[in-house]
Amino acid sequence: MLEKITVVDKIETLENGCVQVRAAIRVLEDGRVLSQSFHRHVVAPGQDYSGEDERVQAICAAVHTPEVIAAYEAAHPAPVEVTEPTDA
């Protein structure tokens, strides 16, 4: 029987507080891996991580301190929206 599973197989913390997450998508037949691919994403300090794997949530809770979030936001200011003037 074929089965498709997704598991978080790698979690890395970077110096700036970002948490990199790798998920392995595996196709199994009778418990043996037939195929495997990977998906990666980053959880930045201050970003909502409530939908992440419980291990990722625990790491983010420990790493994303108020100081780390403030430093990250200072280094990565929000983009400013530029609007073109309109002719009235």
PDB file of N, CA and C in Angstrom:
ATOM      1  N   MET A   1       0.831  -1.174   0.000  1.00  0.00           N
ATOM      2  CA  MET A   1       0.000   0.000   0.000  1.00  0.00           C
ATOM      3  C   MET A   1       0.880   1.245   0.000  1.00  0.00           C
ATOM      4  N   LEU A   2       0.531   2.219  -0.836  1.00  0.00           N
ATOM      5  CA  LEU A   2       1.276   3.472  -0.907  1.00  0.00           C
ATOM      6  C   LEU A   2       0.781   4.444   0.163  1.00  0.00           C
ATOM      7  N   GLU A   3       1.721   5.165   0.697  1.00  0.00           N
ATOM      8  CA  GLU A   3       1.404   6.144   1.737  1.00  0.00           C
ATOM      9  C   GLU A   3       2.300   7.363   1.530  1.00  0.00           C
ATOM     10  N   LYS A   4       1.729   8.547   1.671  1.00  0.00           N
ATOM     11  CA  LYS A   4       2.496   9.786   1.554  1.00  0.00           C
ATOM     12  C   LYS A   4       2.506  10.455   2.923  1.00  0.00           C
ATOM     13  N   ILE A   5       3.711  10.754   3.425  1.00  0.00           N
ATOM     14  CA  ILE A   5       3.832  11.412   4.722  1.00  0.00           C
ATOM     15  C   ILE A   5       4.741  12.632   4.602  1.00  0.00           C
ATOM     16  N   THR A   6       4.533  13.578   5.497  1.00  0.00           N
ATOM     17  CA  THR A   6       5.393  14.753   5.584  1.00  0.00           C
ATOM     18  C   THR A   6       5.927  14.826   7.004  1.00  0.00           C
ATOM     19  N   VAL A   7       7.247  14.900   7.128  1.00  0.00           N
ATOM     20  CA  VAL A   7       7.879  14.993   8.445  1.00  0.00           C
ATOM     21  C   VAL A   7       8.885  16.138   8.443  1.00  0.00           C
ATOM     22  N   VAL A   8       8.923  16.876   9.546  1.00  0.00           N
ATOM     23  CA  VAL A   8       9.953  17.902   9.718  1.00  0.00           C
ATOM     24  C   VAL A   8      11.213  17.163  10.145  1.00  0.00           C
ATOM     25  N   ASP A   9      12.204  17.166   9.256  1.00  0.00           N
ATOM     26  CA  ASP A   9      13.408  16.372   9.538  1.00  0.00           C
ATOM     27  C   ASP A   9      14.639  17.210   9.847  1.00  0.00           C
ATOM     28  N   LYS A  10      14.529  18.534   9.714  1.00  0.00           N
ATOM     29  CA  LYS A  10      15.683  19.377  10.039  1.00  0.00           C
ATOM     30  C   LYS A  10      15.175  20.746  10.493  1.00  0.00           C
ATOM     31  N   ILE A  11      15.721  21.216  11.616  1.00  0.00           N
ATOM     32  CA  ILE A  11      15.403  22.541  12.144  1.00  0.00           C
ATOM     33  C   ILE A  11      16.737  23.197  12.494  1.00  0.00           C
ATOM     34  N   GLU A  12      16.974  24.368  11.926  1.00  0.00           N
ATOM     35  CA  GLU A  12      18.232  25.077  12.168  1.00  0.00           C
ATOM     36  C   GLU A  12      17.940  26.496  12.641  1.00  0.00           C
ATOM     37  N   THR A  13      18.733  26.968  13.579  1.00  0.00           N
ATOM     38  CA  THR A  13      18.605  28.336  14.074  1.00  0.00           C
ATOM     39  C   THR A  13      19.793  29.144  13.573  1.00  0.00           C
ATOM     40  N   LEU A  14      19.496  30.289  12.966  1.00  0.00           N
ATOM     41  CA  LEU A  14      20.547  31.152  12.444  1.00  0.00           C
ATOM     42  C   LEU A  14      20.912  32.233  13.452  1.00  0.00           C
ATOM     43  N   GLU A  15      22.034  32.864  13.232  1.00  0.00           N
ATOM     44  CA  GLU A  15      22.552  33.884  14.147  1.00  0.00           C
ATOM     45  C   GLU A  15      21.569  35.032  14.361  1.00  0.00           C
ATOM     46  N   ASN A  16      20.800  35.393  13.321  1.00  0.00           N
ATOM     47  CA  ASN A  16      19.867  36.525  13.434  1.00  0.00           C
ATOM     48  C   ASN A  16      18.517  36.124  14.038  1.00  0.00           C
ATOM     49  N   GLY A  17      18.385  34.868  14.474  1.00  0.00           N
ATOM     50  CA  GLY A  17      17.156  34.416  15.112  1.00  0.00           C
ATOM     51  C   GLY A  17      16.191  33.713  14.181  1.00  0.00           C
ATOM     52  N   CYS A  18      16.466  33.715  12.889  1.00  0.00           N
ATOM     53  CA  CYS A  18      15.592  32.989  11.959  1.00  0.00           C
ATOM     54  C   CYS A  18      15.711  31.489  12.219  1.00  0.00           C
ATOM     55  N   VAL A  19      14.591  30.802  12.072  1.00  0.00           N
ATOM     56  CA  VAL A  19      14.565  29.354  12.241  1.00  0.00           C
ATOM     57  C   VAL A  19      14.235  28.747  10.878  1.00  0.00           C
ATOM     58  N   GLN A  20      15.179  27.976  10.347  1.00  0.00           N
ATOM     59  CA  GLN A  20      14.982  27.305   9.062  1.00  0.00           C
ATOM     60  C   GLN A  20      14.388  25.926   9.310  1.00  0.00           C
ATOM     61  N   VAL A  21      13.374  25.598   8.520  1.00  0.00           N
ATOM     62  CA  VAL A  21      12.670  24.332   8.691  1.00  0.00           C
ATOM     63  C   VAL A  21      12.704  23.577   7.359  1.00  0.00           C
ATOM     64  N   ARG A  22      13.083  22.303   7.437  1.00  0.00           N
ATOM     65  CA  ARG A  22      13.023  21.449   6.243  1.00  0.00           C
ATOM     66  C   ARG A  22      12.029  20.338   6.515  1.00  0.00           C
ATOM     67  N   ALA A  23      11.096  20.172   5.590  1.00  0.00           N
ATOM     68  CA  ALA A  23      10.129  19.086   5.670  1.00  0.00           C
ATOM     69  C   ALA A  23      10.425  18.102   4.546  1.00  0.00           C
ATOM     70  N   ALA A  24      10.429  16.838   4.896  1.00  0.00           N
ATOM     71  CA  ALA A  24      10.622  15.778   3.912  1.00  0.00           C
ATOM     72  C   ALA A  24       9.248  15.223   3.550  1.00  0.00           C
ATOM     73  N   ILE A  25       8.961  15.195   2.259  1.00  0.00           N
ATOM     74  CA  ILE A  25       7.726  14.594   1.764  1.00  0.00           C
ATOM     75  C   ILE A  25       8.116  13.226   1.206  1.00  0.00           C
ATOM     76  N   ARG A  26       7.613  12.186   1.839  1.00  0.00           N
ATOM     77  CA  ARG A  26       8.016  10.825   1.481  1.00  0.00           C
ATOM     78  C   ARG A  26       6.839  10.005   0.978  1.00  0.00           C
ATOM     79  N   VAL A  27       7.109   9.242  -0.070  1.00  0.00           N
ATOM     80  CA  VAL A  27       6.140   8.259  -0.568  1.00  0.00           C
ATOM     81  C   VAL A  27       6.670   6.895  -0.159  1.00  0.00           C
ATOM     82  N   LEU A  28       5.852   6.174   0.604  1.00  0.00           N
ATOM     83  CA  LEU A  28       6.253   4.873   1.140  1.00  0.00           C
ATOM     84  C   LEU A  28       5.410   3.763   0.541  1.00  0.00           C
ATOM     85  N   GLU A  29       6.034   2.620   0.402  1.00  0.00           N
ATOM     86  CA  GLU A  29       5.313   1.399   0.036  1.00  0.00           C
ATOM     87  C   GLU A  29       5.739   0.333   1.033  1.00  0.00           C
ATOM     88  N   ASP A  30       4.780  -0.146   1.787  1.00  0.00           N
ATOM     89  CA  ASP A  30       5.048  -1.155   2.820  1.00  0.00           C
ATOM     90  C   ASP A  30       6.183  -0.714   3.756  1.00  0.00           C
ATOM     91  N   GLY A  31       6.190   0.588   4.107  1.00  0.00           N
ATOM     92  CA  GLY A  31       7.176   1.104   5.045  1.00  0.00           C
ATOM     93  C   GLY A  31       8.510   1.488   4.430  1.00  0.00           C
ATOM     94  N   ARG A  32       8.710   1.211   3.149  1.00  0.00           N
ATOM     95  CA  ARG A  32       9.970   1.558   2.459  1.00  0.00           C
ATOM     96  C   ARG A  32       9.792   2.843   1.673  1.00  0.00           C
ATOM     97  N   VAL A  33      10.794   3.715   1.727  1.00  0.00           N
ATOM     98  CA  VAL A  33      10.741   4.985   0.998  1.00  0.00           C
ATOM     99  C   VAL A  33      10.965   4.726  -0.486  1.00  0.00           C
ATOM    100  N   LEU A  34       9.956   5.109  -1.298  1.00  0.00           N
ATOM    101  CA  LEU A  34      10.086   5.003  -2.748  1.00  0.00           C
ATOM    102  C   LEU A  34      10.572   6.316  -3.352  1.00  0.00           C
ATOM    103  N   SER A  35      10.129   7.397  -2.747  1.00  0.00           N
ATOM    104  CA  SER A  35      10.446   8.715  -3.271  1.00  0.00           C
ATOM    105  C   SER A  35      10.490   9.690  -2.108  1.00  0.00           C
ATOM    106  N   GLN A  36      11.337  10.731  -2.254  1.00  0.00           N
ATOM    107  CA  GLN A  36      11.440  11.738  -1.210  1.00  0.00           C
ATOM    108  C   GLN A  36      11.798  13.074  -1.844  1.00  0.00           C
ATOM    109  N   SER A  37      11.121  14.123  -1.401  1.00  0.00           N
ATOM    110  CA  SER A  37      11.465  15.473  -1.831  1.00  0.00           C
ATOM    111  C   SER A  37      11.422  16.368  -0.590  1.00  0.00           C
ATOM    112  N   PHE A  38      11.930  17.570  -0.743  1.00  0.00           N
ATOM    113  CA  PHE A  38      12.048  18.454   0.410  1.00  0.00           C
ATOM    114  C   PHE A  38      11.399  19.797   0.141  1.00  0.00           C
ATOM    115  N   HIS A  39      10.890  20.398   1.202  1.00  0.00           N
ATOM    116  CA  HIS A  39      10.351  21.758   1.172  1.00  0.00           C
ATOM    117  C   HIS A  39      11.003  22.498   2.337  1.00  0.00           C
ATOM    118  N   ARG A  40      11.502  23.689   2.067  1.00  0.00           N
ATOM    119  CA  ARG A  40      12.146  24.490   3.114  1.00  0.00           C
ATOM    120  C   ARG A  40      11.405  25.811   3.266  1.00  0.00           C
ATOM    121  N   HIS A  41      11.372  26.297   4.499  1.00  0.00           N
ATOM    122  CA  HIS A  41      10.856  27.636   4.762  1.00  0.00           C
ATOM    123  C   HIS A  41      11.524  28.184   6.009  1.00  0.00           C
ATOM    124  N   VAL A  42      11.367  29.494   6.203  1.00  0.00           N
ATOM    125  CA  VAL A  42      12.011  30.185   7.315  1.00  0.00           C
ATOM    126  C   VAL A  42      10.938  30.835   8.178  1.00  0.00           C
ATOM    127  N   VAL A  43      11.123  30.747   9.493  1.00  0.00           N
ATOM    128  CA  VAL A  43      10.273  31.461  10.444  1.00  0.00           C
ATOM    129  C   VAL A  43      11.131  32.587  11.027  1.00  0.00           C
ATOM    130  N   ALA A  44      10.780  33.817  10.668  1.00  0.00           N
ATOM    131  CA  ALA A  44      11.550  34.983  11.109  1.00  0.00           C
ATOM    132  C   ALA A  44      11.103  35.419  12.502  1.00  0.00           C
ATOM    133  N   PRO A  45      11.990  36.049  13.251  1.00  0.00           N
ATOM    134  CA  PRO A  45      11.603  36.571  14.566  1.00  0.00           C
ATOM    135  C   PRO A  45      10.414  37.524  14.436  1.00  0.00           C
ATOM    136  N   GLY A  46       9.411  37.321  15.269  1.00  0.00           N
ATOM    137  CA  GLY A  46       8.206  38.140  15.229  1.00  0.00           C
ATOM    138  C   GLY A  46       7.106  37.572  14.360  1.00  0.00           C
ATOM    139  N   GLN A  47       7.416  36.570  13.555  1.00  0.00           N
ATOM    140  CA  GLN A  47       6.428  35.940  12.675  1.00  0.00           C
ATOM    141  C   GLN A  47       5.591  34.949  13.473  1.00  0.00           C
ATOM    142  N   ASP A  48       4.314  34.815  13.117  1.00  0.00           N
ATOM    143  CA  ASP A  48       3.426  33.854  13.777  1.00  0.00           C
ATOM    144  C   ASP A  48       3.881  32.436  13.441  1.00  0.00           C
ATOM    145  N   TYR A  49       4.136  31.637  14.460  1.00  0.00           N
ATOM    146  CA  TYR A  49       4.578  30.260  14.252  1.00  0.00           C
ATOM    147  C   TYR A  49       3.598  29.260  14.855  1.00  0.00           C
ATOM    148  N   SER A  50       2.387  29.695  15.143  1.00  0.00           N
ATOM    149  CA  SER A  50       1.404  28.829  15.805  1.00  0.00           C
ATOM    150  C   SER A  50       0.990  27.628  14.951  1.00  0.00           C
ATOM    151  N   GLY A  51       1.140  27.701  13.646  1.00  0.00           N
ATOM    152  CA  GLY A  51       0.770  26.593  12.776  1.00  0.00           C
ATOM    153  C   GLY A  51       1.914  25.636  12.474  1.00  0.00           C
ATOM    154  N   GLU A  52       3.053  25.866  13.089  1.00  0.00           N
ATOM    155  CA  GLU A  52       4.237  25.039  12.830  1.00  0.00           C
ATOM    156  C   GLU A  52       4.207  23.744  13.653  1.00  0.00           C
ATOM    157  N   ASP A  53       5.063  22.816  13.286  1.00  0.00           N
ATOM    158  CA  ASP A  53       5.295  21.591  14.029  1.00  0.00           C
ATOM    159  C   ASP A  53       5.612  21.947  15.480  1.00  0.00           C
ATOM    160  N   GLU A  54       5.210  21.111  16.428  1.00  0.00           N
ATOM    161  CA  GLU A  54       5.400  21.435  17.854  1.00  0.00           C
ATOM    162  C   GLU A  54       6.868  21.633  18.228  1.00  0.00           C
ATOM    163  N   ARG A  55       7.780  20.928  17.565  1.00  0.00           N
ATOM    164  CA  ARG A  55       9.206  21.129  17.856  1.00  0.00           C
ATOM    165  C   ARG A  55       9.680  22.489  17.363  1.00  0.00           C
ATOM    166  N   VAL A  56       9.178  22.912  16.202  1.00  0.00           N
ATOM    167  CA  VAL A  56       9.512  24.236  15.670  1.00  0.00           C
ATOM    168  C   VAL A  56       8.953  25.309  16.601  1.00  0.00           C
ATOM    169  N   GLN A  57       7.730  25.118  17.084  1.00  0.00           N
ATOM    170  CA  GLN A  57       7.130  26.072  18.014  1.00  0.00           C
ATOM    171  C   GLN A  57       7.979  26.212  19.277  1.00  0.00           C
ATOM    172  N   ALA A  58       8.454  25.094  19.806  1.00  0.00           N
ATOM    173  CA  ALA A  58       9.263  25.128  21.031  1.00  0.00           C
ATOM    174  C   ALA A  58      10.569  25.885  20.794  1.00  0.00           C
ATOM    175  N   ILE A  59      11.198  25.660  19.657  1.00  0.00           N
ATOM    176  CA  ILE A  59      12.455  26.348  19.349  1.00  0.00           C
ATOM    177  C   ILE A  59      12.208  27.841  19.142  1.00  0.00           C
ATOM    178  N   CYS A  60      11.155  28.178  18.410  1.00  0.00           N
ATOM    179  CA  CYS A  60      10.839  29.597  18.199  1.00  0.00           C
ATOM    180  C   CYS A  60      10.523  30.293  19.512  1.00  0.00           C
ATOM    181  N   ALA A  61       9.810  29.621  20.408  1.00  0.00           N
ATOM    182  CA  ALA A  61       9.478  30.209  21.701  1.00  0.00           C
ATOM    183  C   ALA A  61      10.750  30.513  22.503  1.00  0.00           C
ATOM    184  N   ALA A  62      11.755  29.664  22.374  1.00  0.00           N
ATOM    185  CA  ALA A  62      13.014  29.866  23.100  1.00  0.00           C
ATOM    186  C   ALA A  62      13.903  30.910  22.439  1.00  0.00           C
ATOM    187  N   VAL A  63      13.918  30.929  21.115  1.00  0.00           N
ATOM    188  CA  VAL A  63      14.855  31.786  20.375  1.00  0.00           C
ATOM    189  C   VAL A  63      14.293  33.186  20.130  1.00  0.00           C
ATOM    190  N   HIS A  64      13.011  33.287  19.849  1.00  0.00           N
ATOM    191  CA  HIS A  64      12.411  34.579  19.484  1.00  0.00           C
ATOM    192  C   HIS A  64      12.071  35.400  20.729  1.00  0.00           C
ATOM    193  N   THR A  65      13.106  35.828  21.421  1.00  0.00           N
ATOM    194  CA  THR A  65      12.944  36.672  22.602  1.00  0.00           C
ATOM    195  C   THR A  65      12.604  38.097  22.147  1.00  0.00           C
ATOM    196  N   PRO A  66      12.076  38.931  23.033  1.00  0.00           N
ATOM    197  CA  PRO A  66      11.810  40.326  22.647  1.00  0.00           C
ATOM    198  C   PRO A  66      13.050  41.032  22.100  1.00  0.00           C
ATOM    199  N   GLU A  67      14.216  40.737  22.658  1.00  0.00           N
ATOM    200  CA  GLU A  67      15.457  41.363  22.186  1.00  0.00           C
ATOM    201  C   GLU A  67      15.800  40.915  20.763  1.00  0.00           C
ATOM    202  N   VAL A  68      15.646  39.638  20.487  1.00  0.00           N
ATOM    203  CA  VAL A  68      15.941  39.107  19.155  1.00  0.00           C
ATOM    204  C   VAL A  68      14.955  39.679  18.137  1.00  0.00           C
ATOM    205  N   ILE A  69      13.683  39.752  18.499  1.00  0.00           N
ATOM    206  CA  ILE A  69      12.670  40.311  17.591  1.00  0.00           C
ATOM    207  C   ILE A  69      12.984  41.774  17.297  1.00  0.00           C
ATOM    208  N   ALA A  70      13.319  42.551  18.325  1.00  0.00           N
ATOM    209  CA  ALA A  70      13.641  43.970  18.131  1.00  0.00           C
ATOM    210  C   ALA A  70      14.863  44.149  17.228  1.00  0.00           C
ATOM    211  N   ALA A  71      15.893  43.344  17.443  1.00  0.00           N
ATOM    212  CA  ALA A  71      17.103  43.432  16.613  1.00  0.00           C
ATOM    213  C   ALA A  71      16.805  43.058  15.173  1.00  0.00           C
ATOM    214  N   TYR A  72      15.993  42.024  14.979  1.00  0.00           N
ATOM    215  CA  TYR A  72      15.641  41.594  13.620  1.00  0.00           C
ATOM    216  C   TYR A  72      14.830  42.680  12.915  1.00  0.00           C
ATOM    217  N   GLU A  73      13.846  43.237  13.611  1.00  0.00           N
ATOM    218  CA  GLU A  73      13.018  44.285  13.007  1.00  0.00           C
ATOM    219  C   GLU A  73      13.827  45.543  12.705  1.00  0.00           C
ATOM    220  N   ALA A  74      14.799  45.860  13.543  1.00  0.00           N
ATOM    221  CA  ALA A  74      15.659  47.023  13.286  1.00  0.00           C
ATOM    222  C   ALA A  74      16.524  46.800  12.046  1.00  0.00           C
ATOM    223  N   ALA A  75      16.963  45.569  11.841  1.00  0.00           N
ATOM    224  CA  ALA A  75      17.802  45.241  10.687  1.00  0.00           C
ATOM    225  C   ALA A  75      16.990  45.057   9.407  1.00  0.00           C
ATOM    226  N   HIS A  76      15.683  44.803   9.551  1.00  0.00           N
ATOM    227  CA  HIS A  76      14.800  44.555   8.402  1.00  0.00           C
ATOM    228  C   HIS A  76      13.540  45.403   8.537  1.00  0.00           C
ATOM    229  N   PRO A  77      13.651  46.705   8.311  1.00  0.00           N
ATOM    230  CA  PRO A  77      12.468  47.552   8.467  1.00  0.00           C
ATOM    231  C   PRO A  77      11.380  47.180   7.450  1.00  0.00           C
ATOM    232  N   ALA A  78      10.147  47.421   7.856  1.00  0.00           N
ATOM    233  CA  ALA A  78       9.014  47.129   6.970  1.00  0.00           C
ATOM    234  C   ALA A  78       9.124  47.986   5.717  1.00  0.00           C
ATOM    235  N   PRO A  79       8.756  47.431   4.560  1.00  0.00           N
ATOM    236  CA  PRO A  79       8.827  48.222   3.332  1.00  0.00           C
ATOM    237  C   PRO A  79       7.845  49.392   3.379  1.00  0.00           C
ATOM    238  N   VAL A  80       8.256  50.490   2.790  1.00  0.00           N
ATOM    239  CA  VAL A  80       7.414  51.679   2.732  1.00  0.00           C
ATOM    240  C   VAL A  80       6.675  51.666   1.411  1.00  0.00           C
ATOM    241  N   GLU A  81       5.368  51.860   1.483  1.00  0.00           N
ATOM    242  CA  GLU A  81       4.562  51.883   0.252  1.00  0.00           C
ATOM    243  C   GLU A  81       4.728  53.230  -0.425  1.00  0.00           C
ATOM    244  N   VAL A  82       5.081  53.195  -1.691  1.00  0.00           N
ATOM    245  CA  VAL A  82       5.255  54.408  -2.458  1.00  0.00           C
ATOM    246  C   VAL A  82       4.075  54.527  -3.411  1.00  0.00           C
ATOM    247  N   THR A  83       3.412  55.659  -3.370  1.00  0.00           N
ATOM    248  CA  THR A  83       2.290  55.872  -4.286  1.00  0.00           C
ATOM    249  C   THR A  83       2.659  56.960  -5.275  1.00  0.00           C
ATOM    250  N   GLU A  84       2.210  56.771  -6.471  1.00  0.00           N
ATOM    251  CA  GLU A  84       2.460  57.743  -7.531  1.00  0.00           C
ATOM    252  C   GLU A  84       1.437  58.868  -7.398  1.00  0.00           C
ATOM    253  N   PRO A  85       1.864  60.095  -7.616  1.00  0.00           N
ATOM    254  CA  PRO A  85       0.894  61.193  -7.577  1.00  0.00           C
ATOM    255  C   PRO A  85      -0.111  61.037  -8.718  1.00  0.00           C
ATOM    256  N   THR A  86      -1.332  61.401  -8.449  1.00  0.00           N
ATOM    257  CA  THR A  86      -2.369  61.318  -9.485  1.00  0.00           C
ATOM    258  C   THR A  86      -2.725  62.718  -9.943  1.00  0.00           C
ATOM    259  N   ASP A  87      -3.057  62.830 -11.185  1.00  0.00           N
ATOM    260  CA  ASP A  87      -3.504  64.124 -11.734  1.00  0.00           C
ATOM    261  C   ASP A  87      -4.965  64.314 -11.344  1.00  0.00           C
ATOM    262  N   ALA A  88      -5.258  65.436 -10.748  1.00  0.00           N
ATOM    263  CA  ALA A  88      -6.626  65.684 -10.315  1.00  0.00           C
ATOM    264  C   ALA A  88      -7.404  66.457 -11.349  1.00  0.00           C
TER     265      ALA A  88
END
